[in-house]
Amino acid sequence: MKNYSAISEFILLGLSIDPNIQDILFALFLLIYLFTLMGNFLMLLVTRADSHLHMPMYFFLRQLSFLDLCHSSVTVPKMLENLLSESKTIFVESCLAQAFFVFATGGTEACLLAVMAYDRYVAITSPLLYGQVMSNQLCVGMVWGSWGLAFADALINILLALNLDYCEDQTIPHFSCELSSLFPLSCSDTSTNFTLLLCSSVLHFFGTFLMIFFSYARIVSTILSISSTSGRGKAFSTCSSHLTTVTLFYGSGFLSYLLPTSGSPLEMMFSLQYSVVTPMLNPLIYSLQNKEVKAAMGRMFRKYFHSFL
């Protein structure tokens, strides 16, 4: 047994040990990461520059794009580096920092999706009071609350993980450092750590999921009470992008964090889904399914095209 302070590095096994497959994976995930950067930066630019999108819904969308940039950038650059490297090492301090930011940004996104569900609930059930209820002060407060709650949750889990001692085996069977990946390496009793992580996941992620569920239960009830078919379709269309994002995030995130076996192919697949693929898909979902965003992009491109000519 070695003390935590005596171990300076962990080894991230990554997705494959075959050099040929690693080259293919590097090209694939580099392309995904570049699309993630371009898509989310474009969404940030459009929602900020176009005055038609200066509404609470698009304020939250701008926060979601920023979060996706952060969440993806926590894991993907190191994963790309390891795909080209033979050593595949990461300093213990860097590993704990990565685990902290993965947990914090993922938790913030869960809170933000719940806030966006509440925004849609107010917009559909009380359209005449929407501007009054969703004030700028409330929107900013809910965003800061999402960040604060998630970072406090992550900090509590990481501080407890700092007290763990680690054994000779320094190999993490994963492409990134996550709390559940560190526990099997420890010689200490990790039952408290695992219980805290499970409670955090249940209270934080399931709590926000219940908020989303009850918001949409009221939304569906309101939509079904609308007499005209076109009215129902229009009301539902304002929620379709958010529903798709929620399905992608919770469908993969829940399973990845709650699977007990670290490094299993199934867990790796779900981790890739929510940390690499979903941040790339969110801008596409909102740009393809949202008429206002598509119109704003068209106006922006025409403006820059005419100014260029």
Protein backbone atom coordinates (compact mmCIF):
# COMPACT_ATOMS: atom_id res chain seq x y z
CA MET A 1 0.00 0.00 0.00
CA LYS A 2 1.21 3.50 -0.86
CA ASN A 3 0.10 6.81 0.54
CA TYR A 4 -1.83 9.19 -1.72
CA SER A 5 1.01 11.76 -1.57
CA ALA A 6 3.54 9.15 -2.73
CA ILE A 7 1.68 8.56 -6.02
CA SER A 8 2.14 11.32 -8.58
CA GLU A 9 0.41 9.92 -11.68
CA PHE A 10 -2.44 7.76 -12.88
CA ILE A 11 -2.63 5.97 -16.23
CA LEU A 12 -5.74 6.47 -18.37
CA LEU A 13 -6.22 3.36 -20.52
CA GLY A 14 -8.61 5.18 -22.85
CA LEU A 15 -10.82 3.61 -25.48
CA SER A 16 -8.39 1.24 -27.20
CA ILE A 17 -4.78 0.02 -27.03
CA ASP A 18 -4.61 -0.73 -30.78
CA PRO A 19 -2.50 2.03 -32.46
CA ASN A 20 -4.47 1.84 -35.72
CA ILE A 21 -7.80 2.18 -33.94
CA GLN A 22 -6.37 5.03 -31.83
CA ASP A 23 -5.51 6.98 -35.00
CA ILE A 24 -9.08 6.56 -36.28
CA LEU A 25 -10.54 7.55 -32.91
CA PHE A 26 -8.28 10.60 -32.75
CA ALA A 27 -9.50 11.84 -36.14
CA LEU A 28 -13.14 11.11 -35.24
CA PHE A 29 -13.13 12.83 -31.85
CA LEU A 30 -11.04 15.76 -33.10
CA LEU A 31 -13.71 16.34 -35.74
CA ILE A 32 -16.49 16.04 -33.14
CA TYR A 33 -14.69 18.48 -30.84
CA LEU A 34 -14.18 21.03 -33.63
CA PHE A 35 -17.88 20.81 -34.55
CA THR A 36 -18.72 21.22 -30.83
CA LEU A 37 -16.61 24.39 -30.61
CA MET A 38 -17.97 25.87 -33.84
CA GLY A 39 -21.61 25.00 -33.13
CA ASN A 40 -21.68 26.33 -29.58
CA PHE A 41 -19.66 29.46 -30.37
CA LEU A 42 -22.07 30.15 -33.23
CA MET A 43 -25.03 29.69 -30.89
CA LEU A 44 -23.45 32.08 -28.38
CA LEU A 45 -22.89 34.65 -31.12
CA VAL A 46 -26.38 34.39 -32.64
CA THR A 47 -28.30 34.54 -29.35
CA ARG A 48 -26.19 37.48 -28.20
CA ALA A 49 -26.14 39.53 -31.42
CA ASP A 50 -29.74 39.15 -32.62
CA SER A 51 -32.17 41.42 -30.76
CA HIS A 52 -35.08 39.09 -31.61
CA LEU A 53 -33.52 36.46 -29.33
CA HIS A 54 -33.13 38.66 -26.27
CA MET A 55 -35.68 36.64 -24.31
CA PRO A 56 -35.36 34.35 -21.25
CA MET A 57 -35.53 31.17 -23.35
CA TYR A 58 -32.53 32.19 -25.45
CA PHE A 59 -30.69 33.57 -22.43
CA PHE A 60 -30.83 30.05 -20.99
CA LEU A 61 -29.87 28.59 -24.36
CA ARG A 62 -26.78 30.80 -24.35
CA GLN A 63 -25.87 29.46 -20.91
CA LEU A 64 -26.38 25.89 -22.17
CA SER A 65 -24.00 26.50 -25.09
CA PHE A 66 -21.36 27.90 -22.74
CA LEU A 67 -21.80 24.89 -20.44
CA ASP A 68 -21.42 22.48 -23.36
CA LEU A 69 -18.17 24.19 -24.31
CA CYS A 70 -16.91 23.84 -20.75
CA HIS A 71 -18.09 20.26 -20.25
CA SER A 72 -16.59 19.04 -23.51
CA SER A 73 -13.30 20.92 -22.99
CA VAL A 74 -12.78 19.31 -19.59
CA THR A 75 -12.35 15.82 -21.07
CA VAL A 76 -11.85 15.85 -24.84
CA PRO A 77 -8.43 17.64 -25.13
CA LYS A 78 -6.83 15.21 -22.65
CA MET A 79 -8.47 12.25 -24.40
CA LEU A 80 -7.08 13.43 -27.76
CA GLU A 81 -3.62 13.85 -26.23
CA ASN A 82 -3.69 10.31 -24.82
CA LEU A 83 -4.78 8.84 -28.15
CA LEU A 84 -1.48 10.09 -29.62
CA SER A 85 0.65 9.39 -26.55
CA GLU A 86 2.27 6.16 -25.42
CA SER A 87 2.44 6.99 -21.71
CA LYS A 88 -1.23 8.07 -21.27
CA THR A 89 -0.48 9.48 -17.82
CA ILE A 90 -2.19 12.21 -15.85
CA PHE A 91 -1.02 13.82 -12.62
CA VAL A 92 -3.08 12.96 -9.55
CA GLU A 93 -3.89 16.63 -8.97
CA SER A 94 -4.97 17.03 -12.61
CA CYS A 95 -7.10 13.89 -12.37
CA LEU A 96 -8.91 15.14 -9.27
CA ALA A 97 -9.38 18.56 -10.90
CA GLN A 98 -10.83 16.92 -14.01
CA ALA A 99 -13.18 14.79 -11.89
CA PHE A 100 -14.31 17.94 -10.06
CA PHE A 101 -15.09 19.89 -13.24
CA VAL A 102 -16.80 16.91 -14.93
CA PHE A 103 -19.09 16.60 -11.92
CA ALA A 104 -19.60 20.36 -11.55
CA THR A 105 -20.40 21.13 -15.20
CA GLY A 106 -22.61 18.06 -15.52
CA GLY A 107 -24.49 19.05 -12.36
CA THR A 108 -24.88 22.63 -13.57
CA GLU A 109 -26.33 21.39 -16.84
CA ALA A 110 -28.86 19.24 -14.98
CA CYS A 111 -29.99 22.29 -12.97
CA LEU A 112 -30.08 24.47 -16.08
CA LEU A 113 -32.26 21.97 -17.95
CA ALA A 114 -34.70 22.07 -15.00
CA VAL A 115 -34.67 25.88 -15.14
CA MET A 116 -35.36 25.76 -18.90
CA ALA A 117 -38.28 23.39 -18.25
CA TYR A 118 -39.71 25.88 -15.76
CA ASP A 119 -39.29 28.63 -18.37
CA ARG A 120 -41.32 26.60 -20.88
CA TYR A 121 -43.91 25.85 -18.18
CA VAL A 122 -44.45 29.57 -17.48
CA ALA A 123 -44.46 30.44 -21.21
CA ILE A 124 -47.19 27.90 -22.04
CA THR A 125 -49.36 27.91 -18.91
CA SER A 126 -49.21 31.69 -18.23
CA PRO A 127 -48.28 33.40 -21.51
CA LEU A 128 -49.71 36.79 -20.50
CA LEU A 129 -47.60 36.86 -17.31
CA TYR A 130 -44.47 35.38 -18.90
CA GLY A 131 -42.51 38.65 -19.13
CA GLN A 132 -43.46 39.62 -15.60
CA VAL A 133 -42.66 36.23 -14.01
CA MET A 134 -39.45 35.51 -15.94
CA SER A 135 -37.76 38.78 -15.05
CA ASN A 136 -34.12 39.40 -15.81
CA GLN A 137 -33.31 39.27 -12.10
CA LEU A 138 -34.97 35.87 -11.70
CA CYS A 139 -33.26 34.42 -14.79
CA VAL A 140 -29.80 35.53 -13.67
CA GLY A 141 -30.48 34.29 -10.14
CA MET A 142 -31.54 30.83 -11.34
CA VAL A 143 -28.42 30.53 -13.53
CA TRP A 144 -26.11 31.54 -10.66
CA GLY A 145 -28.02 29.18 -8.37
CA SER A 146 -27.45 26.31 -10.83
CA TRP A 147 -23.70 26.98 -10.93
CA GLY A 148 -23.46 27.41 -7.16
CA LEU A 149 -25.41 24.28 -6.24
CA ALA A 150 -23.50 22.08 -8.68
CA PHE A 151 -20.06 23.37 -7.70
CA ALA A 152 -20.86 22.99 -3.97
CA ASP A 153 -22.00 19.40 -4.60
CA ALA A 154 -18.85 18.62 -6.59
CA LEU A 155 -16.61 20.24 -3.99
CA ILE A 156 -18.03 18.14 -1.15
CA ASN A 157 -17.44 14.93 -3.11
CA ILE A 158 -13.90 15.90 -4.16
CA LEU A 159 -12.84 17.01 -0.66
CA LEU A 160 -13.83 13.59 0.68
CA ALA A 161 -11.93 11.89 -2.17
CA LEU A 162 -8.74 13.78 -1.23
CA ASN A 163 -8.48 11.64 1.92
CA LEU A 164 -8.26 8.36 0.00
CA ASP A 165 -5.07 6.27 -0.12
CA TYR A 166 -4.21 4.55 -3.41
CA CYS A 167 -2.61 1.17 -4.08
CA GLU A 168 0.11 0.04 -6.49
CA ASP A 169 -2.39 -0.21 -9.34
CA GLN A 170 -2.55 3.27 -10.86
CA THR A 171 -4.49 2.29 -14.00
CA ILE A 172 -7.87 3.92 -14.67
CA PRO A 173 -9.89 1.86 -17.19
CA HIS A 174 -11.47 4.97 -18.66
CA PHE A 175 -10.77 7.86 -21.05
CA SER A 176 -11.21 10.50 -18.32
CA CYS A 177 -11.09 10.90 -14.55
CA GLU A 178 -14.45 10.54 -12.88
CA LEU A 179 -15.11 9.92 -9.22
CA SER A 180 -16.50 6.44 -9.80
CA SER A 181 -13.30 5.55 -11.71
CA LEU A 182 -11.05 6.55 -8.79
CA PHE A 183 -12.75 4.51 -6.07
CA PRO A 184 -11.57 1.05 -7.29
CA LEU A 185 -7.94 2.27 -7.16
CA SER A 186 -8.11 3.12 -3.48
CA CYS A 187 -6.93 0.94 -0.62
CA SER A 188 -9.11 2.92 1.75
CA ASP A 189 -12.73 2.19 2.60
CA THR A 190 -14.68 3.96 -0.16
CA SER A 191 -18.15 3.06 1.11
CA THR A 192 -18.67 6.59 2.45
CA ASN A 193 -17.46 8.11 -0.83
CA PHE A 194 -19.72 5.89 -2.89
CA THR A 195 -22.71 6.56 -0.61
CA LEU A 196 -22.11 10.32 -0.88
CA LEU A 197 -21.78 10.10 -4.68
CA LEU A 198 -24.97 8.03 -4.90
CA CYS A 199 -26.86 10.45 -2.64
CA SER A 200 -25.56 13.43 -4.65
CA SER A 201 -26.68 11.77 -7.87
CA VAL A 202 -30.11 10.91 -6.48
CA LEU A 203 -30.74 14.32 -4.89
CA HIS A 204 -29.15 16.44 -7.62
CA PHE A 205 -29.88 14.61 -10.86
CA PHE A 206 -33.10 12.83 -9.92
CA GLY A 207 -34.28 15.98 -8.13
CA THR A 208 -33.87 18.09 -11.25
CA PHE A 209 -35.39 15.31 -13.35
CA LEU A 210 -38.52 15.33 -11.16
CA MET A 211 -38.76 19.10 -11.58
CA ILE A 212 -38.60 18.64 -15.35
CA PHE A 213 -41.16 15.81 -15.22
CA PHE A 214 -43.72 17.80 -13.22
CA SER A 215 -43.17 20.90 -15.38
CA TYR A 216 -43.92 18.90 -18.52
CA ALA A 217 -46.89 17.18 -16.89
CA ARG A 218 -48.47 20.61 -16.47
CA ILE A 219 -47.33 21.65 -19.97
CA VAL A 220 -48.93 18.58 -21.58
CA SER A 221 -52.14 19.15 -19.61
CA THR A 222 -52.26 22.76 -20.84
CA ILE A 223 -51.49 21.84 -24.45
CA LEU A 224 -54.22 19.17 -24.50
CA SER A 225 -56.73 21.74 -23.32
CA ILE A 226 -56.07 23.91 -26.40
CA SER A 227 -58.94 23.46 -28.82
CA SER A 228 -57.18 24.08 -32.14
CA THR A 229 -54.77 21.55 -33.64
CA SER A 230 -52.49 24.28 -34.95
CA GLY A 231 -52.36 25.86 -31.47
CA ARG A 232 -51.37 22.56 -29.89
CA GLY A 233 -48.70 22.00 -32.53
CA LYS A 234 -47.26 25.47 -32.06
CA ALA A 235 -47.15 25.10 -28.28
CA PHE A 236 -45.48 21.71 -28.46
CA SER A 237 -42.92 22.90 -31.02
CA THR A 238 -41.52 25.38 -28.48
CA CYS A 239 -40.65 22.43 -26.20
CA SER A 240 -39.40 19.85 -28.70
CA SER A 241 -35.76 21.01 -28.72
CA HIS A 242 -35.58 21.06 -24.94
CA LEU A 243 -37.21 17.63 -24.66
CA THR A 244 -34.66 16.16 -27.09
CA THR A 245 -31.77 17.66 -25.10
CA VAL A 246 -33.20 16.36 -21.82
CA THR A 247 -33.56 12.85 -23.26
CA LEU A 248 -29.95 12.80 -24.50
CA PHE A 249 -28.52 14.19 -21.28
CA TYR A 250 -30.45 12.19 -18.71
CA GLY A 251 -30.61 9.00 -20.75
CA SER A 252 -26.81 8.70 -20.83
CA GLY A 253 -25.77 10.70 -17.77
CA PHE A 254 -27.91 8.82 -15.25
CA LEU A 255 -26.80 5.41 -16.43
CA SER A 256 -23.13 6.38 -16.62
CA TYR A 257 -23.00 7.70 -13.05
CA LEU A 258 -25.13 4.96 -11.52
CA LEU A 259 -23.47 1.96 -13.16
CA PRO A 260 -21.42 0.30 -10.39
CA THR A 261 -18.72 -1.29 -12.58
CA SER A 262 -16.04 1.21 -13.57
CA GLY A 263 -14.49 0.85 -16.99
CA SER A 264 -17.19 -1.40 -18.48
CA PRO A 265 -17.85 -0.90 -22.21
CA LEU A 266 -21.43 0.14 -21.43
CA GLU A 267 -20.34 2.81 -18.96
CA MET A 268 -17.70 4.05 -21.43
CA MET A 269 -20.33 4.37 -24.14
CA PHE A 270 -22.68 6.39 -21.93
CA SER A 271 -19.81 8.62 -20.77
CA LEU A 272 -18.86 9.34 -24.39
CA GLN A 273 -22.49 10.14 -25.14
CA TYR A 274 -22.98 12.83 -22.50
CA SER A 275 -19.45 14.29 -22.38
CA VAL A 276 -18.47 14.23 -26.09
CA VAL A 277 -21.43 13.65 -28.40
CA THR A 278 -24.27 15.55 -26.67
CA PRO A 279 -22.39 18.91 -26.52
CA MET A 280 -21.97 18.66 -30.30
CA LEU A 281 -25.62 17.75 -30.91
CA ASN A 282 -27.28 20.44 -28.77
CA PRO A 283 -26.54 23.35 -31.17
CA LEU A 284 -27.79 21.23 -34.08
CA ILE A 285 -30.98 20.34 -32.19
CA TYR A 286 -31.81 23.95 -31.40
CA SER A 287 -30.80 25.30 -34.82
CA LEU A 288 -32.75 22.67 -36.78
CA GLN A 289 -35.90 22.52 -34.60
CA ASN A 290 -36.24 26.16 -33.57
CA LYS A 291 -37.63 28.55 -36.20
CA GLU A 292 -36.46 31.69 -34.38
CA VAL A 293 -32.86 30.46 -34.18
CA LYS A 294 -32.90 29.44 -37.85
CA ALA A 295 -34.27 32.84 -38.82
CA ALA A 296 -31.65 34.63 -36.69
CA MET A 297 -28.85 32.61 -38.28
CA GLY A 298 -30.19 33.49 -41.71
CA ARG A 299 -30.24 37.20 -40.85
CA MET A 300 -26.72 37.05 -39.44
CA PHE A 301 -25.26 35.22 -42.44
CA ARG A 302 -26.98 37.59 -44.88
CA LYS A 303 -25.66 40.59 -42.94
CA TYR A 304 -22.07 39.34 -42.96
CA PHE A 305 -22.35 38.25 -46.59
CA HIS A 306 -23.55 41.68 -47.72
CA SER A 307 -20.88 43.45 -45.62
CA PHE A 308 -18.23 41.19 -47.15
CA LEU A 309 -19.40 42.05 -50.67
